[in-house]
Amino acid sequence: MSVPKSDQIQQTLFVWRDEVRSARDNHYDCERYFSQIDSVLKWAGIILSALVGTSVFADFTGQSDAAKVSIGLLSFIASGAMTLNTTLKYGERAEKHRVSGAGFQALLDDIEFQVDSIFKNNIIDTSKIESIKETKKKVTADAPGIPDRIYHRKPKKAPHCPKCDSLMVLKTAKKGVNQGKQFWGCSRYPDCDGSLDYV
């Protein structure tokens, strides 16, 4: 069912968009973080295992006890790196965050399409809004937790426009001296051109 544009629904979509964008970025950050750890541990295990394997076939005659202890220590570290990676499942964790990030991206695309539709047609499809709401709940519930060291992009609460008191939306300047910089713009633009610096 389509109804005339409502500022409250529009502002809700803007808040959802910021939350979903933040969640997507956090999950992609987690995916990169866990993938890097997975790669480092795998390569460390492979390289150290190769060194140990090569050393085992080398002739130990005349080698000092320190060399033999070093080989044993390398073997222990290689085994530890492989065990750590297997136990903590960094590769699997990276994949789960990648899938969640993709889910949030698809949801973000739906929200942005609905926002564009509101601006172009001044009509809100309430069934689509309900669908987005349910999808947001499901994607959020299915997503793995974000470690504290990654969870750094909490969405900022949108301020109110200094000119008309409507909620503002986070925008990025497309041209001029501030190109690429973010700022708060009025959600009623072009009817209202209120803006604030994004701090």
C-alpha atoms as a PDB file:
ATOM      1  CA  MET A   1       0.000   0.000   0.000  1.00  0.00           C
ATOM      2  CA  SER A   2       1.312   3.440  -0.941  1.00  0.00           C
ATOM      3  CA  VAL A   3       0.715   6.511   1.175  1.00  0.00           C
ATOM      4  CA  PRO A   4       1.820  10.163   0.890  1.00  0.00           C
ATOM      5  CA  LYS A   5       5.310  10.958   2.130  1.00  0.00           C
ATOM      6  CA  SER A   6       5.686  11.129   5.902  1.00  0.00           C
ATOM      7  CA  ASP A   7       8.609  12.922   7.577  1.00  0.00           C
ATOM      8  CA  GLN A   8       8.567  10.392  10.424  1.00  0.00           C
ATOM      9  CA  ILE A   9       8.922   7.381   8.097  1.00  0.00           C
ATOM     10  CA  GLN A  10      11.534   9.208   6.069  1.00  0.00           C
ATOM     11  CA  GLN A  11      13.568  10.014   9.183  1.00  0.00           C
ATOM     12  CA  THR A  12      13.258   6.383  10.339  1.00  0.00           C
ATOM     13  CA  LEU A  13      14.691   5.264   6.992  1.00  0.00           C
ATOM     14  CA  PHE A  14      17.606   7.685   7.417  1.00  0.00           C
ATOM     15  CA  VAL A  15      18.364   6.298  10.883  1.00  0.00           C
ATOM     16  CA  TRP A  16      18.139   2.703   9.582  1.00  0.00           C
ATOM     17  CA  ARG A  17      20.414   3.600   6.686  1.00  0.00           C
ATOM     18  CA  ASP A  18      23.094   4.938   9.037  1.00  0.00           C
ATOM     19  CA  GLU A  19      22.799   1.916  11.369  1.00  0.00           C
ATOM     20  CA  VAL A  20      22.948  -0.583   8.499  1.00  0.00           C
ATOM     21  CA  ARG A  21      25.884   1.217   6.853  1.00  0.00           C
ATOM     22  CA  SER A  22      27.763   1.123  10.168  1.00  0.00           C
ATOM     23  CA  ALA A  23      26.980  -2.582  10.681  1.00  0.00           C
ATOM     24  CA  ARG A  24      28.105  -3.392   7.123  1.00  0.00           C
ATOM     25  CA  ASP A  25      31.397  -1.531   7.626  1.00  0.00           C
ATOM     26  CA  ASN A  26      32.025  -3.233  10.977  1.00  0.00           C
ATOM     27  CA  HIS A  27      31.432  -6.713   9.524  1.00  0.00           C
ATOM     28  CA  TYR A  28      33.710  -6.028   6.552  1.00  0.00           C
ATOM     29  CA  ASP A  29      36.363  -4.722   8.994  1.00  0.00           C
ATOM     30  CA  CYS A  30      36.012  -7.978  10.980  1.00  0.00           C
ATOM     31  CA  GLU A  31      36.304 -10.025   7.803  1.00  0.00           C
ATOM     32  CA  ARG A  32      39.568  -8.274   6.879  1.00  0.00           C
ATOM     33  CA  TYR A  33      40.903  -8.569  10.442  1.00  0.00           C
ATOM     34  CA  PHE A  34      40.207 -12.304  10.776  1.00  0.00           C
ATOM     35  CA  SER A  35      41.415 -13.015   7.219  1.00  0.00           C
ATOM     36  CA  GLN A  36      44.739 -11.335   7.988  1.00  0.00           C
ATOM     37  CA  ILE A  37      45.220 -13.355  11.184  1.00  0.00           C
ATOM     38  CA  ASP A  38      44.235 -16.537   9.322  1.00  0.00           C
ATOM     39  CA  SER A  39      46.811 -15.828   6.597  1.00  0.00           C
ATOM     40  CA  VAL A  40      49.603 -14.951   9.017  1.00  0.00           C
ATOM     41  CA  LEU A  41      49.079 -18.110  11.109  1.00  0.00           C
ATOM     42  CA  LYS A  42      48.787 -20.363   8.042  1.00  0.00           C
ATOM     43  CA  TRP A  43      51.926 -18.986   6.412  1.00  0.00           C
ATOM     44  CA  ALA A  44      53.855 -19.016   9.691  1.00  0.00           C
ATOM     45  CA  GLY A  45      52.923 -22.671  10.171  1.00  0.00           C
ATOM     46  CA  ILE A  46      53.827 -23.592   6.597  1.00  0.00           C
ATOM     47  CA  ILE A  47      57.183 -21.784   6.598  1.00  0.00           C
ATOM     48  CA  LEU A  48      58.213 -23.061  10.013  1.00  0.00           C
ATOM     49  CA  SER A  49      57.128 -26.619   9.144  1.00  0.00           C
ATOM     50  CA  ALA A  50      59.179 -26.444   5.955  1.00  0.00           C
ATOM     51  CA  LEU A  51      62.238 -25.261   7.898  1.00  0.00           C
ATOM     52  CA  VAL A  52      61.825 -28.021  10.446  1.00  0.00           C
ATOM     53  CA  GLY A  53      61.271 -30.641   7.734  1.00  0.00           C
ATOM     54  CA  THR A  54      64.375 -29.519   5.880  1.00  0.00           C
ATOM     55  CA  SER A  55      66.418 -29.500   9.071  1.00  0.00           C
ATOM     56  CA  VAL A  56      65.312 -33.011  10.016  1.00  0.00           C
ATOM     57  CA  PHE A  57      66.772 -34.375   6.798  1.00  0.00           C
ATOM     58  CA  ALA A  58      69.995 -32.413   7.256  1.00  0.00           C
ATOM     59  CA  ASP A  59      72.965 -34.159   8.762  1.00  0.00           C
ATOM     60  CA  PHE A  60      73.046 -33.397  12.498  1.00  0.00           C
ATOM     61  CA  THR A  61      76.547 -34.746  12.957  1.00  0.00           C
ATOM     62  CA  GLY A  62      78.695 -32.124  14.459  1.00  0.00           C
ATOM     63  CA  GLN A  63      75.757 -29.823  15.175  1.00  0.00           C
ATOM     64  CA  SER A  64      75.620 -28.180  18.563  1.00  0.00           C
ATOM     65  CA  ASP A  65      72.934 -28.879  21.100  1.00  0.00           C
ATOM     66  CA  ALA A  66      71.732 -25.284  20.575  1.00  0.00           C
ATOM     67  CA  ALA A  67      70.987 -26.048  16.908  1.00  0.00           C
ATOM     68  CA  LYS A  68      69.034 -29.158  17.875  1.00  0.00           C
ATOM     69  CA  VAL A  69      67.064 -27.192  20.511  1.00  0.00           C
ATOM     70  CA  SER A  70      66.367 -24.450  17.927  1.00  0.00           C
ATOM     71  CA  ILE A  71      64.936 -27.038  15.510  1.00  0.00           C
ATOM     72  CA  GLY A  72      62.745 -28.446  18.274  1.00  0.00           C
ATOM     73  CA  LEU A  73      61.576 -24.955  19.210  1.00  0.00           C
ATOM     74  CA  LEU A  74      60.720 -24.126  15.578  1.00  0.00           C
ATOM     75  CA  SER A  75      58.750 -27.352  15.370  1.00  0.00           C
ATOM     76  CA  PHE A  76      56.840 -26.444  18.530  1.00  0.00           C
ATOM     77  CA  ILE A  77      56.040 -22.913  17.256  1.00  0.00           C
ATOM     78  CA  ALA A  78      54.890 -24.245  13.857  1.00  0.00           C
ATOM     79  CA  SER A  79      52.616 -26.728  15.572  1.00  0.00           C
ATOM     80  CA  GLY A  80      51.295 -24.000  17.879  1.00  0.00           C
ATOM     81  CA  ALA A  81      50.503 -21.635  14.957  1.00  0.00           C
ATOM     82  CA  MET A  82      48.600 -24.384  13.116  1.00  0.00           C
ATOM     83  CA  THR A  83      46.744 -25.474  16.269  1.00  0.00           C
ATOM     84  CA  LEU A  84      45.828 -21.896  17.172  1.00  0.00           C
ATOM     85  CA  ASN A  85      44.434 -21.240  13.703  1.00  0.00           C
ATOM     86  CA  THR A  86      42.479 -24.504  13.684  1.00  0.00           C
ATOM     87  CA  THR A  87      41.090 -23.995  17.184  1.00  0.00           C
ATOM     88  CA  LEU A  88      40.104 -20.334  16.833  1.00  0.00           C
ATOM     89  CA  LYS A  89      38.756 -20.849  13.262  1.00  0.00           C
ATOM     90  CA  TYR A  90      39.839 -17.456  11.943  1.00  0.00           C
ATOM     91  CA  GLY A  91      39.031 -18.412   8.344  1.00  0.00           C
ATOM     92  CA  GLU A  92      35.480 -19.468   9.241  1.00  0.00           C
ATOM     93  CA  ARG A  93      34.961 -16.358  11.336  1.00  0.00           C
ATOM     94  CA  ALA A  94      36.135 -14.155   8.452  1.00  0.00           C
ATOM     95  CA  GLU A  95      33.665 -15.858   6.098  1.00  0.00           C
ATOM     96  CA  LYS A  96      30.742 -15.397   8.524  1.00  0.00           C
ATOM     97  CA  HIS A  97      31.492 -11.671   8.758  1.00  0.00           C
ATOM     98  CA  ARG A  98      31.828 -11.414   4.958  1.00  0.00           C
ATOM     99  CA  VAL A  99      28.383 -13.002   4.528  1.00  0.00           C
ATOM    100  CA  SER A 100      26.890 -10.667   7.168  1.00  0.00           C
ATOM    101  CA  GLY A 101      28.490  -7.649   5.517  1.00  0.00           C
ATOM    102  CA  ALA A 102      26.956  -8.684   2.187  1.00  0.00           C
ATOM    103  CA  GLY A 103      23.548  -9.097   3.872  1.00  0.00           C
ATOM    104  CA  PHE A 104      23.762  -5.608   5.347  1.00  0.00           C
ATOM    105  CA  GLN A 105      24.847  -4.239   1.944  1.00  0.00           C
ATOM    106  CA  ALA A 106      21.777  -5.765   0.262  1.00  0.00           C
ATOM    107  CA  LEU A 107      19.586  -4.261   2.995  1.00  0.00           C
ATOM    108  CA  LEU A 108      21.298  -0.889   2.548  1.00  0.00           C
ATOM    109  CA  ASP A 109      20.551  -1.046  -1.189  1.00  0.00           C
ATOM    110  CA  ASP A 110      16.848  -1.626  -0.414  1.00  0.00           C
ATOM    111  CA  ILE A 111      16.756   1.279   2.039  1.00  0.00           C
ATOM    112  CA  GLU A 112      18.499   3.655  -0.367  1.00  0.00           C
ATOM    113  CA  PHE A 113      16.154   2.609  -3.184  1.00  0.00           C
ATOM    114  CA  GLN A 114      13.166   3.391  -0.925  1.00  0.00           C
ATOM    115  CA  VAL A 115      14.656   6.769   0.071  1.00  0.00           C
ATOM    116  CA  ASP A 116      15.227   7.646  -3.605  1.00  0.00           C
ATOM    117  CA  SER A 117      11.663   6.575  -4.384  1.00  0.00           C
ATOM    118  CA  ILE A 118      10.340   8.879  -1.667  1.00  0.00           C
ATOM    119  CA  PHE A 119      12.251  11.848  -3.056  1.00  0.00           C
ATOM    120  CA  LYS A 120      11.280  11.162  -6.672  1.00  0.00           C
ATOM    121  CA  ASN A 121       7.621  10.173  -6.219  1.00  0.00           C
ATOM    122  CA  ASN A 122       6.676  11.603  -2.800  1.00  0.00           C
ATOM    123  CA  ILE A 123       5.053   8.211  -2.075  1.00  0.00           C
ATOM    124  CA  ILE A 124       5.944   5.617   0.567  1.00  0.00           C
ATOM    125  CA  ASP A 125       5.304   1.918  -0.030  1.00  0.00           C
ATOM    126  CA  THR A 126       4.381   0.813   3.509  1.00  0.00           C
ATOM    127  CA  SER A 127       4.609  -2.891   2.621  1.00  0.00           C
ATOM    128  CA  LYS A 128       8.204  -2.338   1.470  1.00  0.00           C
ATOM    129  CA  ILE A 129       8.984  -0.454   4.702  1.00  0.00           C
ATOM    130  CA  GLU A 130       7.628  -3.404   6.741  1.00  0.00           C
ATOM    131  CA  SER A 131       9.674  -5.808   4.618  1.00  0.00           C
ATOM    132  CA  ILE A 132      12.823  -3.742   5.232  1.00  0.00           C
ATOM    133  CA  LYS A 133      12.066  -3.678   8.976  1.00  0.00           C
ATOM    134  CA  GLU A 134      11.706  -7.479   9.122  1.00  0.00           C
ATOM    135  CA  THR A 135      14.804  -8.052   6.985  1.00  0.00           C
ATOM    136  CA  LYS A 136      16.793  -5.697   9.243  1.00  0.00           C
ATOM    137  CA  LYS A 137      15.734  -7.714  12.306  1.00  0.00           C
ATOM    138  CA  LYS A 138      16.677 -11.020  10.658  1.00  0.00           C
ATOM    139  CA  VAL A 139      20.041  -9.873   9.271  1.00  0.00           C
ATOM    140  CA  THR A 140      20.949  -8.337  12.646  1.00  0.00           C
ATOM    141  CA  ALA A 141      19.906 -11.483  14.561  1.00  0.00           C
ATOM    142  CA  ASP A 142      21.869 -13.769  12.194  1.00  0.00           C
ATOM    143  CA  ALA A 143      25.046 -11.658  12.288  1.00  0.00           C
ATOM    144  CA  PRO A 144      27.994 -12.795  14.419  1.00  0.00           C
ATOM    145  CA  GLY A 145      29.115 -10.493  17.232  1.00  0.00           C
ATOM    146  CA  ILE A 146      31.601  -7.718  16.586  1.00  0.00           C
ATOM    147  CA  PRO A 147      34.689  -7.753  18.852  1.00  0.00           C
ATOM    148  CA  ASP A 148      35.126  -4.580  20.914  1.00  0.00           C
ATOM    149  CA  ARG A 149      38.387  -3.718  19.155  1.00  0.00           C
ATOM    150  CA  ILE A 150      36.514  -3.608  15.824  1.00  0.00           C
ATOM    151  CA  TYR A 151      33.254  -2.055  17.001  1.00  0.00           C
ATOM    152  CA  HIS A 152      34.255   1.555  16.560  1.00  0.00           C
ATOM    153  CA  ARG A 153      31.785   2.956  14.054  1.00  0.00           C
ATOM    154  CA  LYS A 154      28.679   3.464  16.112  1.00  0.00           C
ATOM    155  CA  PRO A 155      26.337   5.656  14.104  1.00  0.00           C
ATOM    156  CA  LYS A 156      26.118   9.190  15.408  1.00  0.00           C
ATOM    157  CA  LYS A 157      22.666  10.419  16.296  1.00  0.00           C
ATOM    158  CA  ALA A 158      21.423  12.793  13.624  1.00  0.00           C
ATOM    159  CA  PRO A 159      21.108  16.388  14.823  1.00  0.00           C
ATOM    160  CA  HIS A 160      18.120  18.589  14.099  1.00  0.00           C
ATOM    161  CA  CYS A 161      18.293  21.175  11.332  1.00  0.00           C
ATOM    162  CA  PRO A 162      19.103  24.669  12.661  1.00  0.00           C
ATOM    163  CA  LYS A 163      16.659  26.203  10.129  1.00  0.00           C
ATOM    164  CA  CYS A 164      13.553  23.969  10.250  1.00  0.00           C
ATOM    165  CA  ASP A 165      14.183  21.513  13.134  1.00  0.00           C
ATOM    166  CA  SER A 166      13.841  18.403  10.904  1.00  0.00           C
ATOM    167  CA  LEU A 167      16.294  15.555  11.388  1.00  0.00           C
ATOM    168  CA  MET A 168      19.434  15.867   9.338  1.00  0.00           C
ATOM    169  CA  VAL A 169      21.133  13.209   7.200  1.00  0.00           C
ATOM    170  CA  LEU A 170      24.825  12.491   6.735  1.00  0.00           C
ATOM    171  CA  LYS A 171      25.936  13.498   3.240  1.00  0.00           C
ATOM    172  CA  THR A 172      29.210  13.683   1.341  1.00  0.00           C
ATOM    173  CA  ALA A 173      30.164  16.795  -0.641  1.00  0.00           C
ATOM    174  CA  LYS A 174      30.420  15.892  -4.316  1.00  0.00           C
ATOM    175  CA  LYS A 175      32.207  19.033  -5.540  1.00  0.00           C
ATOM    176  CA  GLY A 176      33.920  22.206  -4.415  1.00  0.00           C
ATOM    177  CA  VAL A 177      36.635  22.739  -1.829  1.00  0.00           C
ATOM    178  CA  ASN A 178      34.978  20.259   0.567  1.00  0.00           C
ATOM    179  CA  GLN A 179      34.662  17.458  -2.000  1.00  0.00           C
ATOM    180  CA  GLY A 180      34.700  14.047  -0.294  1.00  0.00           C
ATOM    181  CA  LYS A 181      34.085  15.474   3.179  1.00  0.00           C
ATOM    182  CA  GLN A 182      30.995  14.505   5.154  1.00  0.00           C
ATOM    183  CA  PHE A 183      28.478  16.992   6.540  1.00  0.00           C
ATOM    184  CA  TRP A 184      24.975  17.006   7.981  1.00  0.00           C
ATOM    185  CA  GLY A 185      22.334  18.175   5.475  1.00  0.00           C
ATOM    186  CA  CYS A 186      18.656  18.771   6.098  1.00  0.00           C
ATOM    187  CA  SER A 187      16.425  15.795   5.252  1.00  0.00           C
ATOM    188  CA  ARG A 188      13.993  18.250   3.632  1.00  0.00           C
ATOM    189  CA  TYR A 189      16.522  19.383   1.010  1.00  0.00           C
ATOM    190  CA  PRO A 190      15.902  21.033  -1.480  1.00  0.00           C
ATOM    191  CA  ASP A 191      13.004  22.647   0.427  1.00  0.00           C
ATOM    192  CA  CYS A 192      15.460  23.486   3.220  1.00  0.00           C
ATOM    193  CA  ASP A 193      19.212  23.968   2.729  1.00  0.00           C
ATOM    194  CA  GLY A 194      20.245  23.765   6.388  1.00  0.00           C
ATOM    195  CA  SER A 195      23.633  22.123   7.026  1.00  0.00           C
ATOM    196  CA  LEU A 196      26.079  21.458   9.860  1.00  0.00           C
ATOM    197  CA  ASP A 197      29.690  20.297   9.988  1.00  0.00           C
ATOM    198  CA  TYR A 198      30.160  16.586  10.660  1.00  0.00           C
ATOM    199  CA  VAL A 199      32.358  16.285  13.734  1.00  0.00           C
END
